[in-house]
Amino acid sequence: MDGLWLKSARDLIEKAMKTLKALLIVVIAMSTPEAMSQQEAQFTQYMDNTLFVNPAYAGSNGALNATAIHREQWVGVDGRPRSTTFSLHTPLKYESIGVGLTVVNDVIGPIQQTQFYGDFSYTLRFKNSPGKLSFGVKGGVNMLNSRTDQLGTTDANDPEFMTNIQNSINPNFGGGIYYHAPAWFVGLSTPRVLEANYEGSVNAKERRHYYFIGGAVFDIARQWKLRPTTSVKVTDGAPLSVDLSAAGIYNERLWLGLTHRFGDSFGAFVQYQLSPQFKAGLAYDQTITPLASYNVGSYEVLLSYDFYWKDKGVKSPRYF
């Protein structure tokens, strides 16, 4: 009986230690006197979230589009990141102008960041080319809350964990360019130009991010297409982040994809065009960092709907 009790106690302690180690890895960068990191949420289905990083994308698909993505990262780790993004954008009656709205809620441990941004784009068309060149700007606010006093510490009166950040609001703006033709696209952007400072237990500086996105669509068989894409993120003081993905598209309805974030993770996603207007998707990725021992992977859910006006009809399929 004593042996059984000791074994149960050891198992419980071992599990608690694994969870504690993983949580420390997550929050250690935020508990330093001045933390600098990549604050932007990252998604496996990043090509369905282009407006978040590039305002020039607003209105580019010719419809009123609503897209929501929810990501549960590092499932099994207490205090793991959770990210939810919602975007809404449309061309106006004068179709060279597009407008949009992006909202993001990002939570990691005791820190929560919420972003509200409006997007505006202007598109140039060319007489002898089907391609379009768009310029975009975005503006809005970032709201940060940090409840580091809720963390368990060895010293309950540790001053490094006693000062919270409550509803710290910082305005910001960004810009981008986006060129798209029927079979390929490229974009450059920096969604938040200002580098705000947040002071509290965590003295954090919001770093400027630069994004490059690109991709193309190829016919590879009678009912199959291939869509390779990439997203590159450059941030001062942080490693280069490079995402690659490739999706096979069957009969314009089923999307089967593989993704790789260099030095970080491998993943896969499946999306289905439930109707010409409504698409749903699921994604999974597993980190290849030391955190792999403490979680069972990351999951995403995607819902996207296009609202078309009666006089324009449904423009399907849409690859990006």
Protein backbone atom coordinates (compact mmCIF):
# COMPACT_ATOMS: atom_id res chain seq x y z
CA MET A 1 0.00 0.00 0.00
CA ASP A 2 2.85 2.35 0.91
CA GLY A 3 4.58 1.49 -2.40
CA LEU A 4 1.47 2.34 -4.37
CA TRP A 5 1.11 5.66 -2.53
CA LEU A 6 4.78 6.52 -3.17
CA LYS A 7 4.44 5.70 -6.87
CA SER A 8 1.35 7.93 -7.18
CA ALA A 9 3.13 10.75 -5.38
CA ARG A 10 6.17 10.43 -7.66
CA ASP A 11 3.97 10.49 -10.76
CA LEU A 12 2.16 13.59 -9.49
CA ILE A 13 5.43 15.38 -8.70
CA GLU A 14 6.90 14.43 -12.07
CA LYS A 15 3.85 15.77 -13.91
CA ALA A 16 3.91 18.99 -11.89
CA MET A 17 7.61 19.48 -12.64
CA LYS A 18 7.05 19.03 -16.38
CA THR A 19 4.25 21.58 -16.34
CA LEU A 20 6.36 24.01 -14.30
CA LYS A 21 9.33 23.70 -16.65
CA ALA A 22 7.15 24.32 -19.68
CA LEU A 23 5.50 27.34 -18.07
CA LEU A 24 8.90 28.76 -17.15
CA ILE A 25 10.01 28.45 -20.77
CA VAL A 26 6.90 30.34 -21.86
CA VAL A 27 7.10 33.21 -19.38
CA ILE A 28 10.84 33.61 -18.76
CA ALA A 29 11.24 36.08 -21.62
CA MET A 30 8.44 38.18 -20.14
CA SER A 31 9.78 38.21 -16.60
CA THR A 32 13.08 39.92 -17.42
CA PRO A 33 13.54 43.61 -16.62
CA GLU A 34 13.22 44.52 -20.32
CA ALA A 35 11.81 41.94 -22.70
CA MET A 36 12.03 42.26 -26.47
CA SER A 37 10.21 39.66 -28.55
CA GLN A 38 7.96 38.95 -31.49
CA GLN A 39 4.57 40.01 -30.18
CA GLU A 40 2.51 39.22 -33.27
CA ALA A 41 0.37 36.08 -33.17
CA GLN A 42 1.40 33.45 -35.72
CA PHE A 43 -0.99 31.11 -37.50
CA THR A 44 -0.54 27.87 -39.45
CA GLN A 45 -3.29 28.99 -41.87
CA TYR A 46 -1.54 32.32 -42.33
CA MET A 47 -2.65 32.79 -45.95
CA ASP A 48 -6.25 33.10 -44.75
CA ASN A 49 -5.22 35.89 -42.39
CA THR A 50 -3.44 38.26 -44.79
CA LEU A 51 -5.36 41.39 -43.76
CA PHE A 52 -3.91 41.11 -40.24
CA VAL A 53 -0.41 41.83 -41.57
CA ASN A 54 -1.09 43.76 -44.80
CA PRO A 55 -3.81 46.45 -45.14
CA ALA A 56 -3.36 46.55 -48.93
CA TYR A 57 -5.23 43.22 -49.03
CA ALA A 58 -8.51 44.95 -48.08
CA GLY A 59 -11.18 44.40 -50.72
CA SER A 60 -8.88 42.37 -52.99
CA ASN A 61 -11.21 39.39 -53.41
CA GLY A 62 -14.14 41.43 -54.73
CA ALA A 63 -16.56 40.54 -51.94
CA LEU A 64 -17.45 41.34 -48.37
CA ASN A 65 -15.40 38.68 -46.56
CA ALA A 66 -15.57 37.69 -42.89
CA THR A 67 -12.87 35.36 -41.54
CA ALA A 68 -12.27 34.07 -38.02
CA ILE A 69 -9.35 31.91 -36.81
CA HIS A 70 -8.85 30.54 -33.30
CA ARG A 71 -5.51 28.97 -32.30
CA GLU A 72 -4.74 26.86 -29.21
CA GLN A 73 -0.94 26.63 -29.00
CA TRP A 74 1.10 24.02 -27.09
CA VAL A 75 -1.93 22.14 -25.77
CA GLY A 76 -1.09 20.56 -22.41
CA VAL A 77 0.97 23.49 -21.10
CA ASP A 78 -0.57 25.71 -18.42
CA GLY A 79 -0.58 29.35 -19.49
CA ARG A 80 -0.14 28.41 -23.15
CA PRO A 81 -0.75 31.00 -25.89
CA ARG A 82 -4.31 31.37 -27.22
CA SER A 83 -4.94 33.58 -30.23
CA THR A 84 -8.19 34.63 -31.90
CA THR A 85 -8.40 36.86 -34.96
CA PHE A 86 -11.39 38.24 -36.83
CA SER A 87 -11.24 40.22 -40.07
CA LEU A 88 -13.89 41.88 -42.20
CA HIS A 89 -13.14 43.63 -45.50
CA THR A 90 -14.80 44.64 -48.75
CA PRO A 91 -14.34 46.76 -51.86
CA LEU A 92 -16.52 49.85 -52.00
CA LYS A 93 -18.86 50.75 -54.87
CA TYR A 94 -15.90 52.54 -56.44
CA GLU A 95 -13.93 49.28 -56.56
CA SER A 96 -10.48 50.83 -56.47
CA ILE A 97 -11.07 51.47 -52.76
CA GLY A 98 -11.23 48.74 -50.13
CA VAL A 99 -11.89 48.99 -46.40
CA GLY A 100 -11.52 46.51 -43.58
CA LEU A 101 -11.47 45.81 -39.86
CA THR A 102 -9.15 43.48 -37.94
CA VAL A 103 -9.48 42.43 -34.31
CA VAL A 104 -6.97 40.18 -32.53
CA ASN A 105 -6.98 38.82 -28.98
CA ASP A 106 -3.73 37.17 -27.89
CA VAL A 107 -3.28 35.62 -24.43
CA ILE A 108 -0.16 34.02 -22.97
CA GLY A 109 -0.09 33.25 -19.25
CA PRO A 110 -0.98 36.42 -17.31
CA ILE A 111 -0.51 38.70 -20.33
CA GLN A 112 -3.32 39.64 -22.71
CA GLN A 113 -3.08 41.85 -25.77
CA THR A 114 -6.08 43.04 -27.81
CA GLN A 115 -5.74 44.91 -31.09
CA PHE A 116 -8.37 46.89 -33.01
CA TYR A 117 -7.42 48.19 -36.46
CA GLY A 118 -9.17 49.77 -39.43
CA ASP A 119 -7.77 49.14 -42.93
CA PHE A 120 -7.89 51.17 -46.16
CA SER A 121 -6.57 50.24 -49.60
CA TYR A 122 -6.36 51.83 -53.04
CA THR A 123 -5.90 49.63 -56.11
CA LEU A 124 -4.34 50.46 -59.47
CA ARG A 125 -5.39 48.49 -62.57
CA PHE A 126 -3.33 48.13 -65.76
CA LYS A 127 -4.69 48.18 -69.31
CA ASN A 128 -2.50 45.43 -70.69
CA SER A 129 -2.22 43.23 -67.60
CA PRO A 130 -4.73 41.32 -65.45
CA GLY A 131 -2.67 42.11 -62.37
CA LYS A 132 -3.60 44.73 -59.77
CA LEU A 133 -1.34 46.77 -57.47
CA SER A 134 -2.77 47.86 -54.13
CA PHE A 135 -1.46 50.28 -51.50
CA GLY A 136 -2.83 50.12 -47.98
CA VAL A 137 -2.71 51.80 -44.58
CA LYS A 138 -4.04 50.70 -41.22
CA GLY A 139 -4.55 52.48 -37.95
CA GLY A 140 -5.81 51.49 -34.54
CA VAL A 141 -4.88 50.68 -30.95
CA ASN A 142 -3.14 47.96 -28.97
CA MET A 143 -4.43 47.32 -25.45
CA LEU A 144 -2.19 45.39 -23.05
CA ASN A 145 -3.08 43.85 -19.69
CA SER A 146 -0.56 42.06 -17.50
CA ARG A 147 -1.55 40.35 -14.23
CA THR A 148 1.87 39.12 -13.12
CA ASP A 149 0.76 39.33 -9.47
CA GLN A 150 -1.28 36.17 -10.16
CA LEU A 151 1.84 34.10 -10.87
CA GLY A 152 3.02 31.72 -8.17
CA THR A 153 6.48 32.77 -6.97
CA THR A 154 8.88 31.59 -4.28
CA ASP A 155 8.77 35.10 -2.80
CA ALA A 156 5.18 36.36 -2.52
CA ASN A 157 6.51 39.93 -2.16
CA ASP A 158 8.88 39.84 -5.14
CA PRO A 159 8.65 43.42 -6.55
CA GLU A 160 9.35 42.16 -10.08
CA PHE A 161 5.91 40.49 -10.06
CA MET A 162 3.83 42.97 -8.06
CA THR A 163 3.15 45.74 -10.59
CA ASN A 164 0.47 44.99 -13.17
CA ILE A 165 -0.18 46.65 -16.50
CA GLN A 166 -3.87 47.52 -16.73
CA ASN A 167 -5.52 48.61 -19.98
CA SER A 168 -2.38 50.23 -21.35
CA ILE A 169 -3.57 51.63 -24.69
CA ASN A 170 -1.16 52.62 -27.43
CA PRO A 171 -2.23 53.91 -30.87
CA ASN A 172 -0.34 52.68 -33.91
CA PHE A 173 -0.42 52.61 -37.68
CA GLY A 174 1.08 50.63 -40.52
CA GLY A 175 1.18 50.20 -44.28
CA GLY A 176 1.71 47.75 -47.09
CA ILE A 177 1.68 47.03 -50.81
CA TYR A 178 0.11 44.00 -52.50
CA TYR A 179 0.30 42.85 -56.13
CA HIS A 180 -1.96 40.06 -57.30
CA ALA A 181 -2.63 38.45 -60.66
CA PRO A 182 -4.98 35.52 -61.34
CA ALA A 183 -2.24 32.95 -60.65
CA TRP A 184 0.24 34.61 -58.27
CA PHE A 185 0.71 37.34 -55.66
CA VAL A 186 3.35 39.13 -53.56
CA GLY A 187 3.11 41.61 -50.70
CA LEU A 188 5.29 43.71 -48.40
CA SER A 189 4.11 45.35 -45.21
CA THR A 190 4.79 46.59 -41.71
CA PRO A 191 1.48 46.54 -39.80
CA ARG A 192 2.66 48.50 -36.75
CA VAL A 193 5.25 51.23 -37.28
CA LEU A 194 5.49 52.72 -33.77
CA GLU A 195 7.51 50.88 -31.13
CA ALA A 196 5.57 51.47 -27.92
CA ASN A 197 6.94 50.88 -24.41
CA TYR A 198 4.94 49.10 -21.70
CA GLU A 199 6.09 49.52 -18.11
CA GLY A 200 5.14 47.33 -15.17
CA SER A 201 6.56 44.09 -13.80
CA VAL A 202 7.44 43.48 -17.42
CA ASN A 203 9.11 46.39 -19.18
CA ALA A 204 8.37 45.38 -22.75
CA LYS A 205 9.02 47.18 -26.00
CA GLU A 206 6.76 46.54 -28.95
CA ARG A 207 9.06 45.78 -31.86
CA ARG A 208 8.41 46.69 -35.49
CA HIS A 209 7.72 43.69 -37.77
CA TYR A 210 8.28 43.51 -41.53
CA TYR A 211 6.41 40.93 -43.60
CA PHE A 212 6.88 39.47 -47.06
CA ILE A 213 4.18 37.17 -48.43
CA GLY A 214 4.02 35.42 -51.77
CA GLY A 215 2.53 32.48 -53.57
CA ALA A 216 1.14 31.05 -56.79
CA VAL A 217 -1.36 28.51 -58.14
CA PHE A 218 -0.48 25.82 -60.71
CA ASP A 219 -2.55 23.24 -62.59
CA ILE A 220 -0.94 19.84 -61.97
CA ALA A 221 -3.70 17.43 -63.08
CA ARG A 222 -7.24 17.45 -64.44
CA GLN A 223 -8.86 18.13 -61.04
CA TRP A 224 -5.82 19.10 -59.00
CA LYS A 225 -4.07 22.41 -58.41
CA LEU A 226 -1.01 23.19 -56.27
CA ARG A 227 -0.73 26.40 -54.23
CA PRO A 228 2.73 26.99 -52.69
CA THR A 229 3.05 30.03 -50.42
CA THR A 230 5.55 31.65 -48.09
CA SER A 231 5.52 34.22 -45.30
CA VAL A 232 8.75 35.82 -44.07
CA LYS A 233 8.85 37.97 -40.94
CA VAL A 234 11.78 40.19 -39.99
CA THR A 235 11.97 41.68 -36.49
CA ASP A 236 14.84 43.61 -34.94
CA GLY A 237 16.23 41.65 -31.99
CA ALA A 238 14.50 38.38 -32.93
CA PRO A 239 15.35 35.46 -35.27
CA LEU A 240 14.13 35.53 -38.87
CA SER A 241 10.78 33.70 -39.12
CA VAL A 242 10.10 31.81 -42.36
CA ASP A 243 6.91 29.85 -43.10
CA LEU A 244 6.47 27.61 -46.12
CA SER A 245 3.29 25.83 -47.11
CA ALA A 246 1.94 23.83 -50.02
CA ALA A 247 -1.73 23.02 -50.54
CA GLY A 248 -3.18 20.56 -53.01
CA ILE A 249 -6.64 21.70 -54.19
CA TYR A 250 -8.99 18.97 -55.42
CA ASN A 251 -11.98 19.84 -57.59
CA GLU A 252 -11.98 23.42 -56.27
CA ARG A 253 -13.44 22.20 -52.96
CA LEU A 254 -10.96 20.21 -50.86
CA TRP A 255 -7.67 21.74 -49.68
CA LEU A 256 -4.95 19.48 -48.24
CA GLY A 257 -1.83 21.28 -47.03
CA LEU A 258 1.53 20.87 -45.31
CA THR A 259 3.43 23.66 -43.53
CA HIS A 260 6.86 24.21 -42.04
CA ARG A 261 8.14 27.06 -39.89
CA PHE A 262 11.93 26.90 -40.04
CA GLY A 263 13.49 25.93 -36.74
CA ASP A 264 10.11 25.80 -35.03
CA SER A 265 7.42 23.40 -36.30
CA PHE A 266 5.84 21.15 -38.91
CA GLY A 267 2.11 21.12 -39.54
CA ALA A 268 -0.80 20.17 -41.75
CA PHE A 269 -4.22 21.57 -42.55
CA VAL A 270 -7.42 20.55 -44.28
CA GLN A 271 -10.02 22.99 -45.60
CA TYR A 272 -13.31 22.34 -47.34
CA GLN A 273 -15.37 24.66 -49.49
CA LEU A 274 -18.81 23.85 -48.06
CA SER A 275 -20.40 26.19 -50.62
CA PRO A 276 -19.01 28.72 -53.14
CA GLN A 277 -19.13 31.25 -50.30
CA PHE A 278 -18.36 29.29 -47.10
CA LYS A 279 -15.04 27.62 -46.22
CA ALA A 280 -14.06 25.82 -43.01
CA GLY A 281 -10.63 24.55 -42.00
CA LEU A 282 -8.69 22.69 -39.32
CA ALA A 283 -4.93 22.81 -38.77
CA TYR A 284 -2.42 21.06 -36.53
CA ASP A 285 1.28 21.67 -35.98
CA GLN A 286 3.90 20.26 -33.66
CA THR A 287 6.92 22.18 -32.49
CA ILE A 288 10.42 20.74 -32.98
CA THR A 289 11.85 22.84 -30.12
CA PRO A 290 12.47 21.44 -26.59
CA LEU A 291 8.84 22.33 -25.79
CA ALA A 292 7.79 19.27 -27.83
CA SER A 293 8.28 17.11 -24.70
CA TYR A 294 5.66 19.07 -22.77
CA ASN A 295 2.72 19.49 -25.18
CA VAL A 296 0.62 17.58 -27.69
CA GLY A 297 0.73 20.18 -30.45
CA SER A 298 -1.17 23.28 -31.56
CA TYR A 299 -4.62 23.43 -33.17
CA GLU A 300 -6.48 25.95 -35.28
CA VAL A 301 -10.08 26.35 -36.46
CA LEU A 302 -10.94 28.54 -39.47
CA LEU A 303 -14.30 29.85 -40.71
CA SER A 304 -14.54 32.14 -43.74
CA TYR A 305 -17.59 33.49 -45.58
CA ASP A 306 -17.95 35.68 -48.69
CA PHE A 307 -21.02 37.88 -49.10
CA TYR A 308 -21.66 38.70 -52.77
CA TRP A 309 -24.09 41.31 -54.02
CA LYS A 310 -26.83 40.02 -56.34
CA ASP A 311 -25.69 42.01 -59.37
CA LYS A 312 -22.17 40.55 -59.17
CA GLY A 313 -22.85 36.90 -58.49
CA VAL A 314 -20.50 34.43 -56.84
CA LYS A 315 -16.86 34.61 -57.88
CA SER A 316 -15.47 31.17 -57.18
CA PRO A 317 -12.96 29.71 -56.69
CA ARG A 318 -10.70 32.08 -54.75
CA TYR A 319 -7.16 30.86 -54.03
CA PHE A 320 -5.80 33.84 -52.03
